[in-house]
Structures are given as C-alpha cells and as structure tokens.
PDB file of N, CA and C in Angstrom:
ATOM      1  N   MET A   1     132.228 122.266  41.534  1.00  0.00           N
ATOM      2  CA  MET A   1     131.632 121.030  42.129  1.00  0.00           C
ATOM      3  C   MET A   1     132.732 120.569  43.096  1.00  0.00           C
ATOM      4  N   ILE A   2     132.516 119.688  44.075  1.00  0.00           N
ATOM      5  CA  ILE A   2     133.329 119.179  44.964  1.00  0.00           C
ATOM      6  C   ILE A   2     133.312 117.647  44.791  1.00  0.00           C
ATOM      7  N   THR A   3     134.788 117.082  45.458  1.00  0.00           N
ATOM      8  CA  THR A   3     134.724 115.943  45.751  1.00  0.00           C
ATOM      9  C   THR A   3     134.048 115.115  46.540  1.00  0.00           C
ATOM     10  N   VAL A   4     133.701 113.827  46.672  1.00  0.00           N
ATOM     11  CA  VAL A   4     133.311 113.096  47.813  1.00  0.00           C
ATOM     12  C   VAL A   4     134.077 113.310  48.785  1.00  0.00           C
ATOM     13  N   SER A   5     135.404 113.352  48.971  1.00  0.00           N
ATOM     14  CA  SER A   5     136.296 113.881  49.782  1.00  0.00           C
ATOM     15  C   SER A   5     136.496 115.282  50.228  1.00  0.00           C
ATOM     16  N   ASP A   6     135.974 115.904  49.790  1.00  0.00           N
ATOM     17  CA  ASP A   6     135.881 117.960  50.357  1.00  0.00           C
ATOM     18  C   ASP A   6     134.530 117.506  50.893  1.00  0.00           C
ATOM     19  N   PHE A   7     133.834 116.722  50.451  1.00  0.00           N
ATOM     20  CA  PHE A   7     132.337 117.069  51.651  1.00  0.00           C
ATOM     21  C   PHE A   7     132.715 116.120  52.984  1.00  0.00           C
ATOM     22  N   LYS A   8     133.078 115.062  52.891  1.00  0.00           N
ATOM     23  CA  LYS A   8     133.430 114.330  54.047  1.00  0.00           C
ATOM     24  C   LYS A   8     134.789 114.482  55.083  1.00  0.00           C
ATOM     25  N   ALA A   9     135.109 116.321  54.537  1.00  0.00           N
ATOM     26  CA  ALA A   9     136.266 116.607  55.176  1.00  0.00           C
ATOM     27  C   ALA A   9     135.393 117.597  56.180  1.00  0.00           C
ATOM     28  N   LEU A  10     134.035 118.034  56.034  1.00  0.00           N
ATOM     29  CA  LEU A  10     133.147 118.717  57.200  1.00  0.00           C
ATOM     30  C   LEU A  10     132.673 117.685  58.082  1.00  0.00           C
ATOM     31  N   ASP A  11     132.965 118.235  59.459  1.00  0.00           N
ATOM     32  CA  ASP A  11     132.643 117.112  60.224  1.00  0.00           C
ATOM     33  C   ASP A  11     131.133 118.095  60.678  1.00  0.00           C
ATOM     34  N   ILE A  12     130.092 117.794  60.359  1.00  0.00           N
ATOM     35  CA  ILE A  12     128.651 118.194  60.675  1.00  0.00           C
ATOM     36  C   ILE A  12     128.011 117.668  61.886  1.00  0.00           C
ATOM     37  N   ARG A  13     127.777 118.026  62.776  1.00  0.00           N
ATOM     38  CA  ARG A  13     127.148 117.271  63.969  1.00  0.00           C
ATOM     39  C   ARG A  13     125.819 117.586  64.216  1.00  0.00           C
ATOM     40  N   VAL A  14     124.915 116.838  65.230  1.00  0.00           N
ATOM     41  CA  VAL A  14     124.016 117.440  65.885  1.00  0.00           C
ATOM     42  C   VAL A  14     124.196 117.656  66.936  1.00  0.00           C
ATOM     43  N   GLY A  15     123.832 118.806  67.609  1.00  0.00           N
ATOM     44  CA  GLY A  15     123.898 119.402  68.671  1.00  0.00           C
ATOM     45  C   GLY A  15     122.555 120.054  68.876  1.00  0.00           C
ATOM     46  N   ARG A  16     122.678 120.085  70.648  1.00  0.00           N
ATOM     47  CA  ARG A  16     121.507 120.671  71.376  1.00  0.00           C
ATOM     48  C   ARG A  16     121.606 122.161  71.961  1.00  0.00           C
ATOM     49  N   ILE A  17     120.834 123.157  71.696  1.00  0.00           N
ATOM     50  CA  ILE A  17     120.732 124.350  72.263  1.00  0.00           C
ATOM     51  C   ILE A  17     120.833 124.145  73.757  1.00  0.00           C
ATOM     52  N   LEU A  18     121.927 124.698  74.636  1.00  0.00           N
ATOM     53  CA  LEU A  18     122.017 124.911  75.785  1.00  0.00           C
ATOM     54  C   LEU A  18     121.204 125.913  76.436  1.00  0.00           C
ATOM     55  N   SER A  19     121.703 127.072  75.715  1.00  0.00           N
ATOM     56  CA  SER A  19     121.553 128.490  76.340  1.00  0.00           C
ATOM     57  C   SER A  19     121.636 129.509  74.866  1.00  0.00           C
ATOM     58  N   ALA A  20     120.513 130.872  74.822  1.00  0.00           N
ATOM     59  CA  ALA A  20     121.291 131.741  73.711  1.00  0.00           C
ATOM     60  C   ALA A  20     120.794 132.989  74.811  1.00  0.00           C
ATOM     61  N   ASP A  21     121.383 133.845  74.132  1.00  0.00           N
ATOM     62  CA  ASP A  21     121.530 135.250  74.911  1.00  0.00           C
ATOM     63  C   ASP A  21     121.625 136.402  73.757  1.00  0.00           C
ATOM     64  N   ASP A  22     121.069 137.323  74.288  1.00  0.00           N
ATOM     65  CA  ASP A  22     121.268 138.442  73.333  1.00  0.00           C
ATOM     66  C   ASP A  22     122.912 138.644  73.092  1.00  0.00           C
ATOM     67  N   PHE A  23     123.263 139.389  71.812  1.00  0.00           N
ATOM     68  CA  PHE A  23     124.511 139.744  71.855  1.00  0.00           C
ATOM     69  C   PHE A  23     124.458 141.318  71.176  1.00  0.00           C
ATOM     70  N   PRO A  24     124.349 142.168  72.148  1.00  0.00           N
ATOM     71  CA  PRO A  24     124.247 143.540  71.443  1.00  0.00           C
ATOM     72  C   PRO A  24     125.567 144.223  70.863  1.00  0.00           C
ATOM     73  N   GLU A  25     126.782 143.418  71.239  1.00  0.00           N
ATOM     74  CA  GLU A  25     128.213 143.886  70.544  1.00  0.00           C
ATOM     75  C   GLU A  25     128.107 143.734  69.028  1.00  0.00           C
ATOM     76  N   ALA A  26     127.447 142.623  68.419  1.00  0.00           N
ATOM     77  CA  ALA A  26     127.443 142.408  67.129  1.00  0.00           C
ATOM     78  C   ALA A  26     126.873 143.350  66.012  1.00  0.00           C
ATOM     79  N   LYS A  27     127.359 143.624  65.287  1.00  0.00           N
ATOM     80  CA  LYS A  27     126.647 144.559  64.116  1.00  0.00           C
ATOM     81  C   LYS A  27     125.441 144.220  63.582  1.00  0.00           C
ATOM     82  N   THR A  28     125.340 142.991  63.192  1.00  0.00           N
ATOM     83  CA  THR A  28     124.187 142.351  62.687  1.00  0.00           C
ATOM     84  C   THR A  28     123.008 141.914  64.290  1.00  0.00           C
ATOM     85  N   SER A  29     121.927 141.886  64.012  1.00  0.00           N
ATOM     86  CA  SER A  29     121.473 141.270  65.418  1.00  0.00           C
ATOM     87  C   SER A  29     121.351 139.673  65.539  1.00  0.00           C
ATOM     88  N   ALA A  30     121.750 139.520  66.676  1.00  0.00           N
ATOM     89  CA  ALA A  30     122.261 138.159  66.795  1.00  0.00           C
ATOM     90  C   ALA A  30     122.165 137.603  67.935  1.00  0.00           C
ATOM     91  N   TYR A  31     122.381 136.215  68.253  1.00  0.00           N
ATOM     92  CA  TYR A  31     122.432 135.623  69.664  1.00  0.00           C
ATOM     93  C   TYR A  31     124.048 134.892  69.908  1.00  0.00           C
ATOM     94  N   LYS A  32     124.147 135.080  71.230  1.00  0.00           N
ATOM     95  CA  LYS A  32     125.265 134.276  71.554  1.00  0.00           C
ATOM     96  C   LYS A  32     124.857 132.559  72.153  1.00  0.00           C
ATOM     97  N   ILE A  33     125.411 131.660  71.558  1.00  0.00           N
ATOM     98  CA  ILE A  33     124.713 130.498  71.448  1.00  0.00           C
ATOM     99  C   ILE A  33     125.581 129.329  72.327  1.00  0.00           C
ATOM    100  N   ILE A  34     125.133 128.443  73.368  1.00  0.00           N
ATOM    101  CA  ILE A  34     125.775 127.579  73.881  1.00  0.00           C
ATOM    102  C   ILE A  34     125.364 125.892  73.192  1.00  0.00           C
ATOM    103  N   VAL A  35     126.016 125.415  72.659  1.00  0.00           N
ATOM    104  CA  VAL A  35     125.348 124.073  71.937  1.00  0.00           C
ATOM    105  C   VAL A  35     126.429 122.913  72.235  1.00  0.00           C
ATOM    106  N   ASP A  36     125.558 121.990  72.917  1.00  0.00           N
ATOM    107  CA  ASP A  36     125.774 120.635  73.032  1.00  0.00           C
ATOM    108  C   ASP A  36     126.266 119.860  72.256  1.00  0.00           C
ATOM    109  N   LEU A  37     127.602 119.235  71.970  1.00  0.00           N
ATOM    110  CA  LEU A  37     127.486 118.574  70.685  1.00  0.00           C
ATOM    111  C   LEU A  37     128.137 116.985  71.775  1.00  0.00           C
ATOM    112  N   GLY A  38     127.589 116.884  72.367  1.00  0.00           N
ATOM    113  CA  GLY A  38     127.991 115.351  73.070  1.00  0.00           C
ATOM    114  C   GLY A  38     128.930 115.096  73.141  1.00  0.00           C
ATOM    115  N   PRO A  39     129.787 114.192  72.663  1.00  0.00           N
ATOM    116  CA  PRO A  39     131.529 113.695  73.015  1.00  0.00           C
ATOM    117  C   PRO A  39     132.269 114.905  72.406  1.00  0.00           C
ATOM    118  N   LEU A  40     132.073 115.639  71.527  1.00  0.00           N
ATOM    119  CA  LEU A  40     132.837 116.878  71.422  1.00  0.00           C
ATOM    120  C   LEU A  40     132.656 117.809  72.056  1.00  0.00           C
ATOM    121  N   GLY A  41     132.170 118.144  73.174  1.00  0.00           N
ATOM    122  CA  GLY A  41     131.708 118.940  74.577  1.00  0.00           C
ATOM    123  C   GLY A  41     130.624 120.196  74.216  1.00  0.00           C
ATOM    124  N   LYS A  42     130.951 121.064  74.937  1.00  0.00           N
ATOM    125  CA  LYS A  42     129.852 122.499  74.287  1.00  0.00           C
ATOM    126  C   LYS A  42     130.872 123.064  73.820  1.00  0.00           C
ATOM    127  N   LYS A  43     130.027 123.985  72.743  1.00  0.00           N
ATOM    128  CA  LYS A  43     130.662 124.979  71.984  1.00  0.00           C
ATOM    129  C   LYS A  43     129.862 125.840  71.853  1.00  0.00           C
ATOM    130  N   GLN A  44     130.536 127.108  71.780  1.00  0.00           N
ATOM    131  CA  GLN A  44     129.822 128.572  71.325  1.00  0.00           C
ATOM    132  C   GLN A  44     129.478 129.115  70.071  1.00  0.00           C
ATOM    133  N   SER A  45     128.683 129.313  69.752  1.00  0.00           N
ATOM    134  CA  SER A  45     128.544 130.273  68.648  1.00  0.00           C
ATOM    135  C   SER A  45     127.840 131.299  68.304  1.00  0.00           C
ATOM    136  N   SER A  46     128.270 132.211  67.453  1.00  0.00           N
ATOM    137  CA  SER A  46     127.433 133.630  66.971  1.00  0.00           C
ATOM    138  C   SER A  46     126.098 133.241  65.873  1.00  0.00           C
ATOM    139  N   ALA A  47     124.808 133.433  66.532  1.00  0.00           N
ATOM    140  CA  ALA A  47     124.028 132.974  64.848  1.00  0.00           C
ATOM    141  C   ALA A  47     122.867 134.318  64.673  1.00  0.00           C
ATOM    142  N   GLN A  48     123.067 134.511  63.683  1.00  0.00           N
ATOM    143  CA  GLN A  48     121.819 135.766  62.923  1.00  0.00           C
ATOM    144  C   GLN A  48     120.555 134.996  63.102  1.00  0.00           C
ATOM    145  N   ILE A  49     120.259 134.718  64.074  1.00  0.00           N
ATOM    146  CA  ILE A  49     118.783 133.984  63.762  1.00  0.00           C
ATOM    147  C   ILE A  49     117.929 134.653  64.672  1.00  0.00           C
ATOM    148  N   THR A  50     117.872 136.022  64.775  1.00  0.00           N
ATOM    149  CA  THR A  50     116.918 136.661  65.536  1.00  0.00           C
ATOM    150  C   THR A  50     115.581 137.083  64.957  1.00  0.00           C
ATOM    151  N   ASP A  51     115.608 137.374  64.002  1.00  0.00           N
ATOM    152  CA  ASP A  51     114.128 137.292  63.144  1.00  0.00           C
ATOM    153  C   ASP A  51     112.979 136.335  63.128  1.00  0.00           C
ATOM    154  N   LEU A  52     113.570 134.913  63.427  1.00  0.00           N
ATOM    155  CA  LEU A  52     112.455 134.031  63.203  1.00  0.00           C
ATOM    156  C   LEU A  52     112.281 133.529  64.694  1.00  0.00           C
ATOM    157  N   TYR A  53     113.560 133.398  65.384  1.00  0.00           N
ATOM    158  CA  TYR A  53     113.407 132.606  66.719  1.00  0.00           C
ATOM    159  C   TYR A  53     114.054 133.481  67.840  1.00  0.00           C
ATOM    160  N   SER A  54     112.888 133.391  69.098  1.00  0.00           N
ATOM    161  CA  SER A  54     112.999 133.864  70.149  1.00  0.00           C
ATOM    162  C   SER A  54     114.375 133.067  70.738  1.00  0.00           C
ATOM    163  N   LYS A  55     114.473 133.530  71.856  1.00  0.00           N
ATOM    164  CA  LYS A  55     115.619 132.562  72.716  1.00  0.00           C
ATOM    165  C   LYS A  55     114.918 131.783  73.340  1.00  0.00           C
ATOM    166  N   GLU A  56     113.781 131.896  73.930  1.00  0.00           N
ATOM    167  CA  GLU A  56     112.880 131.041  74.814  1.00  0.00           C
ATOM    168  C   GLU A  56     112.759 129.452  73.798  1.00  0.00           C
ATOM    169  N   ASP A  57     112.447 129.802  72.245  1.00  0.00           N
ATOM    170  CA  ASP A  57     112.137 128.959  71.532  1.00  0.00           C
ATOM    171  C   ASP A  57     113.307 128.097  70.990  1.00  0.00           C
ATOM    172  N   LEU A  58     114.703 128.845  71.186  1.00  0.00           N
ATOM    173  CA  LEU A  58     116.101 128.058  70.590  1.00  0.00           C
ATOM    174  C   LEU A  58     116.452 126.695  71.687  1.00  0.00           C
ATOM    175  N   LEU A  59     115.772 127.350  73.353  1.00  0.00           N
ATOM    176  CA  LEU A  59     116.499 126.376  74.077  1.00  0.00           C
ATOM    177  C   LEU A  59     116.339 125.154  74.097  1.00  0.00           C
ATOM    178  N   GLY A  60     117.020 124.060  74.047  1.00  0.00           N
ATOM    179  CA  GLY A  60     116.636 122.761  73.741  1.00  0.00           C
ATOM    180  C   GLY A  60     116.501 122.007  72.225  1.00  0.00           C
ATOM    181  N   ARG A  61     116.504 122.761  71.584  1.00  0.00           N
ATOM    182  CA  ARG A  61     116.135 122.700  70.176  1.00  0.00           C
ATOM    183  C   ARG A  61     117.402 121.425  69.675  1.00  0.00           C
ATOM    184  N   LYS A  62     117.442 120.705  68.693  1.00  0.00           N
ATOM    185  CA  LYS A  62     118.280 120.008  68.241  1.00  0.00           C
ATOM    186  C   LYS A  62     119.142 120.774  66.921  1.00  0.00           C
ATOM    187  N   VAL A  63     119.946 121.132  66.624  1.00  0.00           N
ATOM    188  CA  VAL A  63     120.485 122.047  65.427  1.00  0.00           C
ATOM    189  C   VAL A  63     121.526 121.195  64.560  1.00  0.00           C
ATOM    190  N   LEU A  64     121.801 121.493  63.378  1.00  0.00           N
ATOM    191  CA  LEU A  64     122.861 120.800  62.950  1.00  0.00           C
ATOM    192  C   LEU A  64     123.899 122.046  62.884  1.00  0.00           C
ATOM    193  N   CYS A  65     125.400 121.483  63.093  1.00  0.00           N
ATOM    194  CA  CYS A  65     126.578 122.155  63.019  1.00  0.00           C
ATOM    195  C   CYS A  65     127.566 121.927  62.258  1.00  0.00           C
ATOM    196  N   VAL A  66     128.699 122.557  61.874  1.00  0.00           N
ATOM    197  CA  VAL A  66     129.860 122.184  61.678  1.00  0.00           C
ATOM    198  C   VAL A  66     130.658 122.561  62.543  1.00  0.00           C
ATOM    199  N   ALA A  67     131.205 121.653  62.867  1.00  0.00           N
ATOM    200  CA  ALA A  67     131.993 120.949  64.042  1.00  0.00           C
ATOM    201  C   ALA A  67     133.608 121.542  63.920  1.00  0.00           C
ATOM    202  N   ASN A  68     134.140 121.422  62.482  1.00  0.00           N
ATOM    203  CA  ASN A  68     135.714 121.419  62.253  1.00  0.00           C
ATOM    204  C   ASN A  68     136.145 122.727  61.745  1.00  0.00           C
ATOM    205  N   LEU A  69     135.305 124.059  61.807  1.00  0.00           N
ATOM    206  CA  LEU A  69     135.884 125.113  61.287  1.00  0.00           C
ATOM    207  C   LEU A  69     136.461 125.580  62.376  1.00  0.00           C
ATOM    208  N   PRO A  70     138.046 126.783  61.986  1.00  0.00           N
ATOM    209  CA  PRO A  70     138.259 127.344  62.665  1.00  0.00           C
ATOM    210  C   PRO A  70     137.798 128.382  63.669  1.00  0.00           C
ATOM    211  N   PRO A  71     138.259 128.880  65.022  1.00  0.00           N
ATOM    212  CA  PRO A  71     137.102 129.406  65.310  1.00  0.00           C
ATOM    213  C   PRO A  71     137.087 131.022  64.947  1.00  0.00           C
ATOM    214  N   LEU A  72     136.130 131.544  64.636  1.00  0.00           N
ATOM    215  CA  LEU A  72     135.834 132.782  64.539  1.00  0.00           C
ATOM    216  C   LEU A  72     135.665 133.699  65.249  1.00  0.00           C
ATOM    217  N   LYS A  73     136.198 135.119  65.488  1.00  0.00           N
ATOM    218  CA  LYS A  73     136.129 136.114  66.557  1.00  0.00           C
ATOM    219  C   LYS A  73     135.132 136.759  65.998  1.00  0.00           C
ATOM    220  N   VAL A  74     133.889 137.235  66.364  1.00  0.00           N
ATOM    221  CA  VAL A  74     132.514 138.135  66.088  1.00  0.00           C
ATOM    222  C   VAL A  74     132.795 138.902  67.311  1.00  0.00           C
ATOM    223  N   ALA A  75     132.826 140.154  66.998  1.00  0.00           N
ATOM    224  CA  ALA A  75     133.136 141.461  68.078  1.00  0.00           C
ATOM    225  C   ALA A  75     133.253 140.837  69.499  1.00  0.00           C
ATOM    226  N   GLY A  76     134.697 140.102  69.663  1.00  0.00           N
ATOM    227  CA  GLY A  76     135.420 139.846  70.622  1.00  0.00           C
ATOM    228  C   GLY A  76     134.627 138.723  71.271  1.00  0.00           C
ATOM    229  N   PHE A  77     134.093 138.128  70.626  1.00  0.00           N
ATOM    230  CA  PHE A  77     133.159 136.312  71.107  1.00  0.00           C
ATOM    231  C   PHE A  77     133.850 135.538  70.200  1.00  0.00           C
ATOM    232  N   LYS A  78     134.324 134.276  70.744  1.00  0.00           N
ATOM    233  CA  LYS A  78     134.875 133.423  70.007  1.00  0.00           C
ATOM    234  C   LYS A  78     133.709 132.218  69.950  1.00  0.00           C
ATOM    235  N   SER A  79     133.377 132.354  68.189  1.00  0.00           N
ATOM    236  CA  SER A  79     132.374 131.625  67.430  1.00  0.00           C
ATOM    237  C   SER A  79     133.044 130.090  66.976  1.00  0.00           C
ATOM    238  N   GLU A  80     132.779 129.182  67.460  1.00  0.00           N
ATOM    239  CA  GLU A  80     133.361 127.977  67.757  1.00  0.00           C
ATOM    240  C   GLU A  80     132.749 126.890  66.608  1.00  0.00           C
ATOM    241  N   VAL A  81     131.394 127.038  66.335  1.00  0.00           N
ATOM    242  CA  VAL A  81     130.777 125.801  65.603  1.00  0.00           C
ATOM    243  C   VAL A  81     130.008 126.892  64.650  1.00  0.00           C
ATOM    244  N   LEU A  82     129.315 126.318  63.318  1.00  0.00           N
ATOM    245  CA  LEU A  82     128.677 127.169  62.516  1.00  0.00           C
ATOM    246  C   LEU A  82     127.082 125.980  62.414  1.00  0.00           C
ATOM    247  N   ILE A  83     126.397 127.227  62.999  1.00  0.00           N
ATOM    248  CA  ILE A  83     125.010 126.313  63.001  1.00  0.00           C
ATOM    249  C   ILE A  83     124.422 126.732  61.929  1.00  0.00           C
ATOM    250  N   LEU A  84     123.936 125.886  61.070  1.00  0.00           N
ATOM    251  CA  LEU A  84     123.389 125.495  59.594  1.00  0.00           C
ATOM    252  C   LEU A  84     121.902 126.184  59.510  1.00  0.00           C
ATOM    253  N   GLY A  85     121.498 126.649  58.327  1.00  0.00           N
ATOM    254  CA  GLY A  85     120.057 127.217  58.163  1.00  0.00           C
ATOM    255  C   GLY A  85     120.189 126.951  56.549  1.00  0.00           C
ATOM    256  N   ALA A  86     119.118 127.545  56.422  1.00  0.00           N
ATOM    257  CA  ALA A  86     118.879 127.550  54.800  1.00  0.00           C
ATOM    258  C   ALA A  86     118.411 129.112  54.744  1.00  0.00           C
ATOM    259  N   CYS A  87     119.163 129.859  53.850  1.00  0.00           N
ATOM    260  CA  CYS A  87     119.232 131.388  53.503  1.00  0.00           C
ATOM    261  C   CYS A  87     118.384 131.476  52.301  1.00  0.00           C
ATOM    262  N   PRO A  88     117.257 131.833  52.375  1.00  0.00           N
ATOM    263  CA  PRO A  88     116.444 132.210  51.240  1.00  0.00           C
ATOM    264  C   PRO A  88     116.842 133.558  51.233  1.00  0.00           C
ATOM    265  N   GLU A  89     117.035 134.100  49.493  1.00  0.00           N
ATOM    266  CA  GLU A  89     117.603 135.607  49.318  1.00  0.00           C
ATOM    267  C   GLU A  89     116.821 136.525  49.931  1.00  0.00           C
ATOM    268  N   GLY A  90     117.118 137.567  50.658  1.00  0.00           N
ATOM    269  CA  GLY A  90     116.589 138.336  51.249  1.00  0.00           C
ATOM    270  C   GLY A  90     115.756 138.092  52.424  1.00  0.00           C
ATOM    271  N   GLU A  91     115.827 136.935  52.535  1.00  0.00           N
ATOM    272  CA  GLU A  91     114.724 136.209  53.724  1.00  0.00           C
ATOM    273  C   GLU A  91     115.963 136.035  54.795  1.00  0.00           C
ATOM    274  N   PRO A  92     114.709 135.749  55.955  1.00  0.00           N
ATOM    275  CA  PRO A  92     115.573 134.967  57.372  1.00  0.00           C
ATOM    276  C   PRO A  92     116.094 133.773  57.290  1.00  0.00           C
ATOM    277  N   VAL A  93     117.207 133.425  57.868  1.00  0.00           N
ATOM    278  CA  VAL A  93     117.938 132.120  58.185  1.00  0.00           C
ATOM    279  C   VAL A  93     116.919 131.401  58.899  1.00  0.00           C
ATOM    280  N   VAL A  94     116.637 130.094  58.137  1.00  0.00           N
ATOM    281  CA  VAL A  94     115.901 129.245  58.729  1.00  0.00           C
ATOM    282  C   VAL A  94     116.351 127.809  59.296  1.00  0.00           C
ATOM    283  N   LEU A  95     116.526 127.391  60.210  1.00  0.00           N
ATOM    284  CA  LEU A  95     117.184 126.554  61.079  1.00  0.00           C
ATOM    285  C   LEU A  95     117.038 125.108  60.409  1.00  0.00           C
ATOM    286  N   LEU A  96     117.845 124.455  60.208  1.00  0.00           N
ATOM    287  CA  LEU A  96     117.378 123.247  59.554  1.00  0.00           C
ATOM    288  C   LEU A  96     117.067 122.142  60.838  1.00  0.00           C
ATOM    289  N   LYS A  97     116.342 121.410  60.509  1.00  0.00           N
ATOM    290  CA  LYS A  97     115.688 120.345  61.699  1.00  0.00           C
ATOM    291  C   LYS A  97     115.696 119.019  61.395  1.00  0.00           C
ATOM    292  N   LEU A  98     115.939 117.980  62.133  1.00  0.00           N
ATOM    293  CA  LEU A  98     115.985 116.772  62.024  1.00  0.00           C
ATOM    294  C   LEU A  98     114.420 116.176  62.047  1.00  0.00           C
ATOM    295  N   ASP A  99     114.135 114.857  61.292  1.00  0.00           N
ATOM    296  CA  ASP A  99     112.633 114.462  61.682  1.00  0.00           C
ATOM    297  C   ASP A  99     112.763 113.566  62.552  1.00  0.00           C
ATOM    298  N   ASP A 100     113.877 112.957  63.184  1.00  0.00           N
ATOM    299  CA  ASP A 100     113.650 111.925  64.381  1.00  0.00           C
ATOM    300  C   ASP A 100     114.778 112.345  65.076  1.00  0.00           C
ATOM    301  N   ASP A 101     114.690 112.127  66.629  1.00  0.00           N
ATOM    302  CA  ASP A 101     115.552 112.331  67.424  1.00  0.00           C
ATOM    303  C   ASP A 101     116.715 111.805  67.658  1.00  0.00           C
ATOM    304  N   VAL A 102     117.992 112.578  67.662  1.00  0.00           N
ATOM    305  CA  VAL A 102     119.149 111.355  67.512  1.00  0.00           C
ATOM    306  C   VAL A 102     120.253 111.941  68.138  1.00  0.00           C
ATOM    307  N   PRO A 103     121.273 111.380  68.937  1.00  0.00           N
ATOM    308  CA  PRO A 103     122.137 111.832  70.326  1.00  0.00           C
ATOM    309  C   PRO A 103     122.811 112.895  69.814  1.00  0.00           C
ATOM    310  N   GLU A 104     123.290 113.989  70.634  1.00  0.00           N
ATOM    311  CA  GLU A 104     123.960 115.200  70.412  1.00  0.00           C
ATOM    312  C   GLU A 104     125.603 114.389  70.190  1.00  0.00           C
ATOM    313  N   GLY A 105     125.943 115.167  68.816  1.00  0.00           N
ATOM    314  CA  GLY A 105     127.452 114.648  68.663  1.00  0.00           C
ATOM    315  C   GLY A 105     127.185 113.654  67.367  1.00  0.00           C
ATOM    316  N   THR A 106     125.978 113.174  67.591  1.00  0.00           N
ATOM    317  CA  THR A 106     125.954 112.346  65.658  1.00  0.00           C
ATOM    318  C   THR A 106     126.227 112.855  64.792  1.00  0.00           C
ATOM    319  N   ARG A 107     127.132 112.387  63.959  1.00  0.00           N
ATOM    320  CA  ARG A 107     128.150 113.142  62.596  1.00  0.00           C
ATOM    321  C   ARG A 107     126.953 112.727  61.510  1.00  0.00           C
ATOM    322  N   ILE A 108     126.636 113.703  60.650  1.00  0.00           N
ATOM    323  CA  ILE A 108     126.095 113.905  59.563  1.00  0.00           C
ATOM    324  C   ILE A 108     126.545 113.276  58.468  1.00  0.00           C
ATOM    325  N   SER A 109     126.495 112.687  57.781  1.00  0.00           N
ATOM    326  CA  SER A 109     127.053 112.098  56.466  1.00  0.00           C
ATOM    327  C   SER A 109     125.930 111.888  55.267  1.00  0.00           C
TER     328      SER A 109
END
C-alpha cells in the first residue's frame, strides 16, 4: 500500500505524440518518441509499443506520461518520460487514453 502523499509525488501529465521513429538499437522492439507536454516542453521516451501501434497511428495521439522520473539511458538514448499503458500478462502494452480532449501538460490527479 502507498499513501496519498506517495501518489501525489507522481507527476502524471497529458502529452501529445509529435513523432515516433524506429529504435533498432534497443534490445526489445521499441520506438523513439517525442511527446509535447505543454508547459513542461517536449520530452523524449523509449516505448515498447510496436506490437499494437504503427508510427503513423501514434502521431498526434494523446498519452499519459510520468514526467518526474529520472532520465533513463536506453541503448544510448535518453528516455525522459514514461508513457503509461496497461500490461496484461504475456500481452502487448495497451496505451491508456482519455475520454475527452484536454490540453497538453494537464496534470492527472
């Protein structure tokens, strides 16, 4: 169990995918993604979502991102945000989505 304070420490934001490129250097099939987080700026992420999503399908898509994790180096690429998805056991990652359009950078609470 975590506390409400623990949860509030996570900075989860709405972002919009600006670009998605192949990431052949990654050990597991992934994309290099640039996400617009509004006032937080543009951030990059490595995302293992190639099974269900083409690069073209991702362009302009709104996603939820954890914006306050330390950057992680993935095959020499600096991943600055974690794009959230549901991970059914043994199945591909399914991105979370919003019911309504909200501005980039909106904080999730």
